[in-house]
Each structure stands twice: as structure tokens, then as C-alpha cells.
Amino acid sequence: MNRLTIWKSGAAGSSLILLMGAGAPLARAQESEVIAGGEIEYQMHCAVCHGRDGRGDGIMVKYLTIQPSDLTRLSVKSRGEFPFWRVYSTIDGREDIAGHGNRSMPIWGARFKAETEGGGVAARATIAGRILGLVFYIRSIQER
């Protein structure tokens, strides 16, 4: 059996497994990993203002002139649907947020900017991964 035959049978087998629904647990496990990475990113770079649990009660609140958003209520404020791409564009700096100042979101600098990673394709992928992890984590903490 050559590599092509193995790949073909593997792909067909994978398709059959996915059709049978066996791929769902794998997808949930992968999503859990993305969320876990996003939580680490959040705790390191967002919790100081938005709070450990995302409720807008971080330790820096007393020094801020604008109260940070309660990130657990984004879906509620958007009629029950999580505003995935709006959150993404807020983190990457395309969406202006008064509490964040100018477009240097987050305020501490370039953690979510590809230019600081060299600006190439790999840098953009790295930054997109960081941001997507954060967005998936924020989606996971929404009030139901």
C-alpha cells in the first residue's frame, strides 16, 4: 500500500466518521484547547481592567475614567447572539472603544499587532490565533 492509498482510505474513513457524528467530541476537545489558551491570554492581558471573571471589575478600575465593559453580557446586549466579529475587531484595534483610548488596543501595546512580530504571514497567523483564542474565551463566559 502506498501513501496515496493510505491517504485516500484515511480520508474516506475520516469522512465516514464525521458523517456518523464521531468527529463532534474531537471538535469540542479542540475548541476547549482554544478556549483554554484564550483564557490564559485574557488573564495575562485583559483581566487587569475587565476583571478576573470578565465583569468589568479589574484591579485597575479605580484608576480608570471609563468603566470597563462587562464582557459576560455581550450576547445579552446583542439580542442573544454573541457579536463574534465585533469583539475580534475591537481586540485587533479596528473598532474604536472610548475606554481603550486610541487604536492601540489593548492599551499596553502591541501584543495583538502583527507588526511587532515581524509583520509577515507567520506573524499575522500568530496574532490571529491569539485574538481568536480570546474571542472564543469571551464567548465561553457569556451569561445564559
N, C-alpha and C. Protein backbone atom coordinates (compact mmCIF):
# COMPACT_ATOMS: atom_id res chain seq x y z
N MET A 1 0.85 -1.18 0.00
CA MET A 1 0.00 0.00 0.00
C MET A 1 0.89 1.24 0.00
N ASN A 2 0.65 2.16 -0.94
CA ASN A 2 1.45 3.38 -0.98
C ASN A 2 0.80 4.50 -0.17
N ARG A 3 1.49 5.62 -0.07
CA ARG A 3 0.99 6.73 0.73
C ARG A 3 -0.35 7.24 0.22
N LEU A 4 -0.52 7.32 -1.10
CA LEU A 4 -1.75 7.82 -1.67
C LEU A 4 -2.93 6.93 -1.28
N THR A 5 -2.73 5.63 -1.32
CA THR A 5 -3.79 4.70 -0.94
C THR A 5 -4.15 4.87 0.52
N ILE A 6 -3.13 5.00 1.37
CA ILE A 6 -3.38 5.19 2.79
C ILE A 6 -4.14 6.50 3.01
N TRP A 7 -3.72 7.56 2.33
CA TRP A 7 -4.39 8.85 2.47
C TRP A 7 -5.84 8.77 2.03
N LYS A 8 -6.06 8.13 0.85
CA LYS A 8 -7.42 8.02 0.34
C LYS A 8 -8.30 7.25 1.31
N SER A 9 -7.80 6.13 1.81
CA SER A 9 -8.63 5.35 2.72
C SER A 9 -8.80 6.10 4.04
N GLY A 10 -7.75 6.81 4.45
CA GLY A 10 -7.85 7.59 5.68
C GLY A 10 -8.86 8.71 5.53
N ALA A 11 -8.84 9.39 4.39
CA ALA A 11 -9.79 10.48 4.16
C ALA A 11 -11.21 9.96 4.10
N ALA A 12 -11.40 8.85 3.42
CA ALA A 12 -12.73 8.27 3.34
C ALA A 12 -13.21 7.81 4.71
N GLY A 13 -12.32 7.23 5.45
CA GLY A 13 -12.66 6.79 6.80
C GLY A 13 -12.99 7.97 7.69
N SER A 14 -12.22 9.03 7.55
CA SER A 14 -12.48 10.23 8.34
C SER A 14 -13.83 10.82 7.98
N SER A 15 -14.13 10.85 6.69
CA SER A 15 -15.42 11.39 6.25
C SER A 15 -16.56 10.57 6.83
N LEU A 16 -16.40 9.26 6.82
CA LEU A 16 -17.44 8.39 7.36
C LEU A 16 -17.61 8.63 8.85
N ILE A 17 -16.50 8.75 9.56
CA ILE A 17 -16.58 9.01 10.99
C ILE A 17 -17.28 10.33 11.25
N LEU A 18 -16.93 11.37 10.48
CA LEU A 18 -17.56 12.66 10.67
C LEU A 18 -19.06 12.59 10.36
N LEU A 19 -19.42 11.84 9.31
CA LEU A 19 -20.82 11.70 8.98
C LEU A 19 -21.58 10.98 10.08
N MET A 20 -20.90 10.08 10.77
CA MET A 20 -21.54 9.33 11.84
C MET A 20 -21.59 10.13 13.14
N GLY A 21 -20.97 11.33 13.15
CA GLY A 21 -21.02 12.18 14.32
C GLY A 21 -19.90 11.94 15.31
N ALA A 22 -18.97 11.06 14.99
CA ALA A 22 -17.88 10.77 15.92
C ALA A 22 -16.87 11.90 15.97
N GLY A 23 -16.90 12.81 15.00
CA GLY A 23 -15.96 13.92 15.00
C GLY A 23 -16.34 15.02 15.97
N ALA A 24 -17.58 15.06 16.43
CA ALA A 24 -18.03 16.12 17.33
C ALA A 24 -17.23 16.17 18.62
N PRO A 25 -16.95 15.04 19.28
CA PRO A 25 -16.15 15.13 20.51
C PRO A 25 -14.75 15.69 20.24
N LEU A 26 -14.17 15.34 19.11
CA LEU A 26 -12.86 15.87 18.75
C LEU A 26 -12.92 17.37 18.55
N ALA A 27 -13.95 17.85 17.86
CA ALA A 27 -14.11 19.28 17.65
C ALA A 27 -14.30 20.01 18.97
N ARG A 28 -15.08 19.43 19.88
CA ARG A 28 -15.27 20.06 21.19
C ARG A 28 -13.97 20.09 21.97
N ALA A 29 -13.18 19.03 21.86
CA ALA A 29 -11.88 19.00 22.56
C ALA A 29 -10.96 20.07 22.00
N GLN A 30 -10.94 20.23 20.70
CA GLN A 30 -10.09 21.26 20.09
C GLN A 30 -10.57 22.65 20.47
N GLU A 31 -11.88 22.85 20.49
CA GLU A 31 -12.41 24.15 20.89
C GLU A 31 -12.06 24.42 22.35
N SER A 32 -12.09 23.40 23.19
CA SER A 32 -11.72 23.57 24.59
C SER A 32 -10.27 24.01 24.73
N GLU A 33 -9.40 23.48 23.89
CA GLU A 33 -7.99 23.90 23.90
C GLU A 33 -7.84 25.35 23.49
N VAL A 34 -8.58 25.76 22.47
CA VAL A 34 -8.54 27.15 22.02
C VAL A 34 -9.04 28.07 23.13
N ILE A 35 -10.13 27.68 23.78
CA ILE A 35 -10.69 28.48 24.87
C ILE A 35 -9.70 28.56 26.03
N ALA A 36 -9.05 27.46 26.36
CA ALA A 36 -8.07 27.46 27.45
C ALA A 36 -6.91 28.40 27.14
N GLY A 37 -6.43 28.39 25.91
CA GLY A 37 -5.38 29.32 25.50
C GLY A 37 -5.86 30.75 25.56
N GLY A 38 -7.10 30.98 25.15
CA GLY A 38 -7.68 32.31 25.22
C GLY A 38 -7.84 32.80 26.65
N GLU A 39 -8.16 31.89 27.55
CA GLU A 39 -8.28 32.27 28.95
C GLU A 39 -6.94 32.72 29.52
N ILE A 40 -5.89 32.02 29.15
CA ILE A 40 -4.55 32.42 29.60
C ILE A 40 -4.22 33.82 29.08
N GLU A 41 -4.48 34.04 27.81
CA GLU A 41 -4.25 35.35 27.19
C GLU A 41 -5.08 36.42 27.91
N TYR A 42 -6.33 36.10 28.18
CA TYR A 42 -7.23 37.02 28.87
C TYR A 42 -6.70 37.36 30.26
N GLN A 43 -6.35 36.36 31.03
CA GLN A 43 -5.89 36.60 32.40
C GLN A 43 -4.60 37.43 32.42
N MET A 44 -3.76 37.23 31.42
CA MET A 44 -2.50 37.97 31.34
C MET A 44 -2.66 39.41 30.86
N HIS A 45 -3.65 39.67 29.99
CA HIS A 45 -3.70 40.96 29.32
C HIS A 45 -5.01 41.73 29.44
N CYS A 46 -6.06 41.10 29.92
CA CYS A 46 -7.37 41.77 29.94
C CYS A 46 -7.96 41.89 31.34
N ALA A 47 -7.67 40.91 32.18
CA ALA A 47 -8.31 40.84 33.50
C ALA A 47 -7.99 42.03 34.38
N VAL A 48 -6.85 42.66 34.17
CA VAL A 48 -6.46 43.79 35.00
C VAL A 48 -7.52 44.90 34.94
N CYS A 49 -8.18 45.06 33.81
CA CYS A 49 -9.25 46.05 33.68
C CYS A 49 -10.64 45.40 33.70
N HIS A 50 -10.81 44.35 32.92
CA HIS A 50 -12.14 43.73 32.77
C HIS A 50 -12.48 42.77 33.90
N GLY A 51 -11.53 42.48 34.76
CA GLY A 51 -11.79 41.61 35.90
C GLY A 51 -11.52 40.16 35.60
N ARG A 52 -11.20 39.43 36.65
CA ARG A 52 -10.86 38.01 36.53
C ARG A 52 -11.96 37.21 35.82
N ASP A 53 -13.21 37.56 36.11
CA ASP A 53 -14.35 36.85 35.52
C ASP A 53 -15.01 37.61 34.38
N GLY A 54 -14.41 38.72 33.94
CA GLY A 54 -14.92 39.47 32.80
C GLY A 54 -16.04 40.43 33.10
N ARG A 55 -16.30 40.73 34.37
CA ARG A 55 -17.44 41.56 34.74
C ARG A 55 -17.14 43.05 34.82
N GLY A 56 -15.94 43.45 34.39
CA GLY A 56 -15.60 44.87 34.38
C GLY A 56 -15.11 45.40 35.71
N ASP A 57 -14.64 44.50 36.57
CA ASP A 57 -14.24 44.88 37.92
C ASP A 57 -12.78 44.56 38.23
N GLY A 58 -11.91 44.82 37.26
CA GLY A 58 -10.49 44.54 37.46
C GLY A 58 -9.84 45.48 38.45
N ILE A 59 -8.63 45.15 38.84
CA ILE A 59 -7.94 45.93 39.88
C ILE A 59 -7.59 47.35 39.43
N MET A 60 -7.58 47.62 38.15
CA MET A 60 -7.26 48.97 37.65
C MET A 60 -8.48 49.89 37.57
N VAL A 61 -9.67 49.37 37.84
CA VAL A 61 -10.90 50.15 37.68
C VAL A 61 -10.84 51.47 38.43
N LYS A 62 -10.28 51.48 39.62
CA LYS A 62 -10.24 52.72 40.41
C LYS A 62 -9.39 53.82 39.76
N TYR A 63 -8.55 53.46 38.80
CA TYR A 63 -7.71 54.43 38.12
C TYR A 63 -8.25 54.84 36.75
N LEU A 64 -9.33 54.24 36.34
CA LEU A 64 -9.87 54.49 35.00
C LEU A 64 -11.00 55.51 35.04
N THR A 65 -11.08 56.34 34.01
CA THR A 65 -12.16 57.32 33.93
C THR A 65 -13.39 56.73 33.26
N ILE A 66 -13.22 55.67 32.49
CA ILE A 66 -14.34 54.98 31.84
C ILE A 66 -14.38 53.55 32.36
N GLN A 67 -15.52 53.15 32.86
CA GLN A 67 -15.71 51.80 33.40
C GLN A 67 -15.54 50.75 32.29
N PRO A 68 -14.71 49.71 32.53
CA PRO A 68 -14.57 48.64 31.52
C PRO A 68 -15.89 47.89 31.34
N SER A 69 -16.10 47.38 30.16
CA SER A 69 -17.31 46.62 29.85
C SER A 69 -17.38 45.34 30.64
N ASP A 70 -18.60 44.93 30.95
CA ASP A 70 -18.86 43.61 31.50
C ASP A 70 -18.90 42.67 30.29
N LEU A 71 -17.83 41.95 30.10
CA LEU A 71 -17.71 41.09 28.91
C LEU A 71 -18.61 39.86 28.97
N THR A 72 -19.21 39.59 30.11
CA THR A 72 -20.10 38.43 30.22
C THR A 72 -21.49 38.72 29.67
N ARG A 73 -21.77 39.99 29.35
CA ARG A 73 -23.10 40.38 28.91
C ARG A 73 -23.16 40.84 27.45
N LEU A 74 -22.12 40.54 26.69
CA LEU A 74 -22.09 40.98 25.30
C LEU A 74 -23.22 40.34 24.49
N SER A 75 -23.48 39.07 24.72
CA SER A 75 -24.57 38.40 24.00
C SER A 75 -25.92 38.98 24.38
N VAL A 76 -26.12 39.23 25.67
CA VAL A 76 -27.38 39.81 26.14
C VAL A 76 -27.61 41.16 25.46
N LYS A 77 -26.56 41.97 25.37
CA LYS A 77 -26.67 43.29 24.76
C LYS A 77 -26.86 43.21 23.24
N SER A 78 -26.56 42.06 22.66
CA SER A 78 -26.71 41.87 21.20
C SER A 78 -27.87 40.93 20.88
N ARG A 79 -28.92 41.05 21.68
CA ARG A 79 -30.16 40.28 21.46
C ARG A 79 -29.93 38.77 21.45
N GLY A 80 -29.04 38.31 22.33
CA GLY A 80 -28.85 36.88 22.50
C GLY A 80 -27.83 36.24 21.57
N GLU A 81 -27.24 37.03 20.69
CA GLU A 81 -26.25 36.49 19.77
C GLU A 81 -24.88 37.11 20.06
N PHE A 82 -23.88 36.26 20.25
CA PHE A 82 -22.55 36.77 20.56
C PHE A 82 -21.98 37.49 19.34
N PRO A 83 -21.53 38.74 19.52
CA PRO A 83 -21.01 39.54 18.40
C PRO A 83 -19.54 39.20 18.08
N PHE A 84 -19.33 38.02 17.57
CA PHE A 84 -18.00 37.45 17.38
C PHE A 84 -17.04 38.40 16.68
N TRP A 85 -17.42 38.87 15.50
CA TRP A 85 -16.50 39.68 14.70
C TRP A 85 -16.35 41.09 15.24
N ARG A 86 -17.34 41.60 15.92
CA ARG A 86 -17.20 42.92 16.55
C ARG A 86 -16.19 42.82 17.70
N VAL A 87 -16.24 41.74 18.47
CA VAL A 87 -15.27 41.53 19.54
C VAL A 87 -13.87 41.38 18.95
N TYR A 88 -13.77 40.60 17.88
CA TYR A 88 -12.48 40.41 17.21
C TYR A 88 -11.90 41.75 16.77
N SER A 89 -12.70 42.58 16.09
CA SER A 89 -12.19 43.85 15.57
C SER A 89 -11.93 44.86 16.69
N THR A 90 -12.55 44.68 17.84
CA THR A 90 -12.24 45.52 18.99
C THR A 90 -10.85 45.17 19.51
N ILE A 91 -10.57 43.90 19.61
CA ILE A 91 -9.27 43.47 20.13
C ILE A 91 -8.15 43.82 19.16
N ASP A 92 -8.38 43.63 17.86
CA ASP A 92 -7.29 43.91 16.91
C ASP A 92 -7.13 45.39 16.59
N GLY A 93 -8.01 46.25 17.13
CA GLY A 93 -7.84 47.68 17.01
C GLY A 93 -8.64 48.35 15.91
N ARG A 94 -9.40 47.59 15.13
CA ARG A 94 -10.18 48.20 14.05
C ARG A 94 -11.42 48.92 14.59
N GLU A 95 -11.90 48.51 15.75
CA GLU A 95 -13.09 49.10 16.37
C GLU A 95 -12.64 50.01 17.50
N ASP A 96 -13.03 51.28 17.43
CA ASP A 96 -12.67 52.23 18.48
C ASP A 96 -13.54 52.01 19.71
N ILE A 97 -12.91 51.97 20.87
CA ILE A 97 -13.60 51.86 22.14
C ILE A 97 -13.09 53.00 23.02
N ALA A 98 -13.97 53.85 23.50
CA ALA A 98 -13.57 55.03 24.26
C ALA A 98 -12.65 54.68 25.43
N GLY A 99 -12.95 53.62 26.14
CA GLY A 99 -12.15 53.25 27.30
C GLY A 99 -10.76 52.76 26.96
N HIS A 100 -10.53 52.41 25.71
CA HIS A 100 -9.22 51.93 25.30
C HIS A 100 -8.33 53.04 24.76
N GLY A 101 -8.87 54.23 24.66
CA GLY A 101 -8.08 55.32 24.09
C GLY A 101 -8.03 55.20 22.58
N ASN A 102 -6.86 55.47 22.01
CA ASN A 102 -6.75 55.38 20.55
C ASN A 102 -6.72 53.92 20.10
N ARG A 103 -6.40 53.69 18.87
CA ARG A 103 -6.47 52.34 18.31
C ARG A 103 -5.41 51.37 18.82
N SER A 104 -4.66 51.76 19.82
CA SER A 104 -3.65 50.85 20.34
C SER A 104 -4.27 49.90 21.36
N MET A 105 -5.28 49.18 20.95
CA MET A 105 -5.95 48.19 21.80
C MET A 105 -5.13 46.93 21.75
N PRO A 106 -4.79 46.35 22.84
CA PRO A 106 -5.04 46.85 24.19
C PRO A 106 -4.06 47.95 24.56
N ILE A 107 -4.39 48.67 25.60
CA ILE A 107 -3.64 49.87 25.93
C ILE A 107 -2.17 49.63 26.24
N TRP A 108 -1.81 48.42 26.63
CA TRP A 108 -0.41 48.16 26.99
C TRP A 108 0.47 47.92 25.78
N GLY A 109 -0.07 47.97 24.58
CA GLY A 109 0.83 47.93 23.45
C GLY A 109 0.48 46.94 22.37
N ALA A 110 1.49 46.28 21.89
CA ALA A 110 1.42 45.60 20.61
C ALA A 110 1.23 44.09 20.67
N ARG A 111 0.75 43.58 21.75
CA ARG A 111 0.57 42.13 21.88
C ARG A 111 -0.29 41.55 20.76
N PHE A 112 -1.23 42.34 20.25
CA PHE A 112 -2.15 41.86 19.23
C PHE A 112 -1.96 42.56 17.89
N LYS A 113 -0.73 42.95 17.62
CA LYS A 113 -0.40 43.61 16.36
C LYS A 113 0.69 42.82 15.64
N ALA A 114 0.46 42.46 14.40
CA ALA A 114 1.39 41.64 13.62
C ALA A 114 2.72 42.33 13.40
N GLU A 115 2.71 43.65 13.32
CA GLU A 115 3.94 44.38 13.05
C GLU A 115 5.01 44.09 14.09
N THR A 116 4.59 43.89 15.33
CA THR A 116 5.56 43.65 16.40
C THR A 116 6.18 42.26 16.31
N GLU A 117 5.55 41.39 15.56
CA GLU A 117 6.05 40.03 15.40
C GLU A 117 6.82 39.89 14.09
N GLY A 118 7.10 40.97 13.41
CA GLY A 118 7.83 40.94 12.15
C GLY A 118 6.96 41.25 10.96
N GLY A 119 5.65 41.22 11.12
CA GLY A 119 4.73 41.64 10.07
C GLY A 119 4.46 40.65 8.96
N GLY A 120 5.14 39.53 8.90
CA GLY A 120 4.94 38.57 7.82
C GLY A 120 3.71 37.69 8.03
N VAL A 121 3.57 36.72 7.15
CA VAL A 121 2.43 35.81 7.20
C VAL A 121 2.39 35.05 8.52
N ALA A 122 3.52 34.55 8.96
CA ALA A 122 3.56 33.80 10.23
C ALA A 122 3.17 34.69 11.40
N ALA A 123 3.60 35.94 11.36
CA ALA A 123 3.25 36.88 12.43
C ALA A 123 1.75 37.14 12.44
N ARG A 124 1.17 37.34 11.27
CA ARG A 124 -0.27 37.57 11.19
C ARG A 124 -1.04 36.36 11.69
N ALA A 125 -0.56 35.16 11.37
CA ALA A 125 -1.23 33.94 11.84
C ALA A 125 -1.13 33.82 13.36
N THR A 126 0.02 34.16 13.91
CA THR A 126 0.21 34.11 15.36
C THR A 126 -0.74 35.06 16.07
N ILE A 127 -0.82 36.29 15.57
CA ILE A 127 -1.69 37.29 16.17
C ILE A 127 -3.15 36.88 16.02
N ALA A 128 -3.53 36.41 14.85
CA ALA A 128 -4.91 35.96 14.64
C ALA A 128 -5.26 34.84 15.61
N GLY A 129 -4.32 33.93 15.86
CA GLY A 129 -4.55 32.86 16.82
C GLY A 129 -4.77 33.38 18.22
N ARG A 130 -3.97 34.36 18.62
CA ARG A 130 -4.14 34.97 19.95
C ARG A 130 -5.52 35.61 20.08
N ILE A 131 -5.89 36.36 19.05
CA ILE A 131 -7.17 37.07 19.09
C ILE A 131 -8.32 36.08 19.06
N LEU A 132 -8.25 35.09 18.19
CA LEU A 132 -9.33 34.10 18.12
C LEU A 132 -9.49 33.37 19.45
N GLY A 133 -8.37 33.02 20.08
CA GLY A 133 -8.45 32.38 21.40
C GLY A 133 -9.18 33.26 22.39
N LEU A 134 -8.85 34.55 22.39
CA LEU A 134 -9.54 35.49 23.29
C LEU A 134 -11.03 35.56 22.98
N VAL A 135 -11.37 35.66 21.71
CA VAL A 135 -12.78 35.77 21.34
C VAL A 135 -13.55 34.51 21.74
N PHE A 136 -12.97 33.34 21.49
CA PHE A 136 -13.63 32.10 21.90
C PHE A 136 -13.78 32.03 23.42
N TYR A 137 -12.76 32.50 24.14
CA TYR A 137 -12.87 32.51 25.60
C TYR A 137 -13.97 33.46 26.04
N ILE A 138 -14.00 34.67 25.50
CA ILE A 138 -15.03 35.63 25.88
C ILE A 138 -16.42 35.09 25.55
N ARG A 139 -16.53 34.43 24.42
CA ARG A 139 -17.82 33.80 24.08
C ARG A 139 -18.21 32.75 25.12
N SER A 140 -17.20 32.04 25.65
CA SER A 140 -17.48 30.97 26.61
C SER A 140 -17.95 31.49 27.97
N ILE A 141 -17.70 32.76 28.29
CA ILE A 141 -18.09 33.29 29.60
C ILE A 141 -19.40 34.10 29.54
N GLN A 142 -20.11 34.02 28.44
CA GLN A 142 -21.36 34.76 28.32
C GLN A 142 -22.42 34.24 29.26
N GLU A 143 -23.17 35.18 29.85
CA GLU A 143 -24.31 34.80 30.67
C GLU A 143 -25.36 34.16 29.78
N ARG A 144 -26.00 33.18 30.29
CA ARG A 144 -27.02 32.47 29.51
C ARG A 144 -28.39 33.01 29.85
